[in-house]
Amino acid sequence: MSQRAVDAVFQGLYLFTDLRAILRETAPAHRLDEEQRAAVAKALEKLRKQADILEKELLP
């Protein structure tokens, strides 16, 4: 496994932690305000990029 793939895994885990924090803040109803929605959208976009890196590195 390349260093780039390892970095993508860890970066993805950090992004999931950010999402988890937002879900904890909004529990139990999970109603997100505009700022939280923007943060979730940004985190998901970054997660997709990390997943793309993993796919390219691990499934050439």
Protein backbone atom coordinates (compact mmCIF):
# COMPACT_ATOMS: atom_id res chain seq x y z
CA MET A 1 0.00 0.00 0.00
CA SER A 2 1.36 3.41 -0.92
CA GLN A 3 1.88 6.26 1.51
CA ARG A 4 -0.72 8.21 -0.46
CA ALA A 5 -3.32 5.50 0.21
CA VAL A 6 -2.47 5.39 3.90
CA ASP A 7 -2.79 9.18 4.11
CA ALA A 8 -6.17 9.01 2.36
CA VAL A 9 -7.44 6.49 4.91
CA PHE A 10 -6.39 8.65 7.84
CA GLN A 11 -7.74 11.82 6.26
CA GLY A 12 -11.05 10.04 5.65
CA LEU A 13 -11.19 8.95 9.28
CA TYR A 14 -10.63 12.52 10.45
CA LEU A 15 -13.46 13.67 8.18
CA PHE A 16 -15.78 11.02 9.62
CA THR A 17 -14.86 12.29 13.07
CA ASP A 18 -15.89 15.79 12.01
CA LEU A 19 -19.23 14.44 10.77
CA ARG A 20 -19.69 12.51 14.00
CA ALA A 21 -19.17 15.70 15.99
CA ILE A 22 -21.89 17.46 14.01
CA LEU A 23 -24.27 14.56 14.59
CA ARG A 24 -23.53 14.64 18.32
CA GLU A 25 -24.21 18.39 18.43
CA THR A 26 -27.56 17.97 16.74
CA ALA A 27 -28.78 14.84 18.56
CA PRO A 28 -31.42 13.56 18.94
CA ALA A 29 -33.34 15.19 16.08
CA HIS A 30 -30.29 15.88 13.85
CA ARG A 31 -31.76 19.09 12.45
CA LEU A 32 -28.84 20.93 10.90
CA ASP A 33 -28.63 24.69 10.51
CA GLU A 34 -27.15 26.27 7.38
CA GLU A 35 -23.62 26.37 8.80
CA GLN A 36 -23.77 22.71 9.77
CA ARG A 37 -25.18 21.76 6.36
CA ALA A 38 -22.31 23.57 4.69
CA ALA A 39 -19.79 21.79 6.93
CA VAL A 40 -21.36 18.41 6.14
CA ALA A 41 -21.35 19.13 2.40
CA LYS A 42 -17.69 20.16 2.54
CA ALA A 43 -16.71 17.08 4.55
CA LEU A 44 -18.57 14.76 2.17
CA GLU A 45 -16.87 16.37 -0.83
CA LYS A 46 -13.48 15.82 0.80
CA LEU A 47 -14.42 12.22 1.68
CA ARG A 48 -15.25 11.53 -1.96
CA LYS A 49 -11.82 12.82 -2.96
CA GLN A 50 -10.16 10.54 -0.42
CA ALA A 51 -12.21 7.59 -1.69
CA ASP A 52 -11.12 8.41 -5.25
CA ILE A 53 -7.48 8.43 -4.15
CA LEU A 54 -7.94 5.04 -2.47
CA GLU A 55 -9.59 3.59 -5.55
CA LYS A 56 -6.78 4.81 -7.81
CA GLU A 57 -4.05 3.63 -5.46
CA LEU A 58 -5.49 0.25 -4.49
CA LEU A 59 -7.37 -0.75 -7.64
CA PRO A 60 -5.14 0.40 -10.51
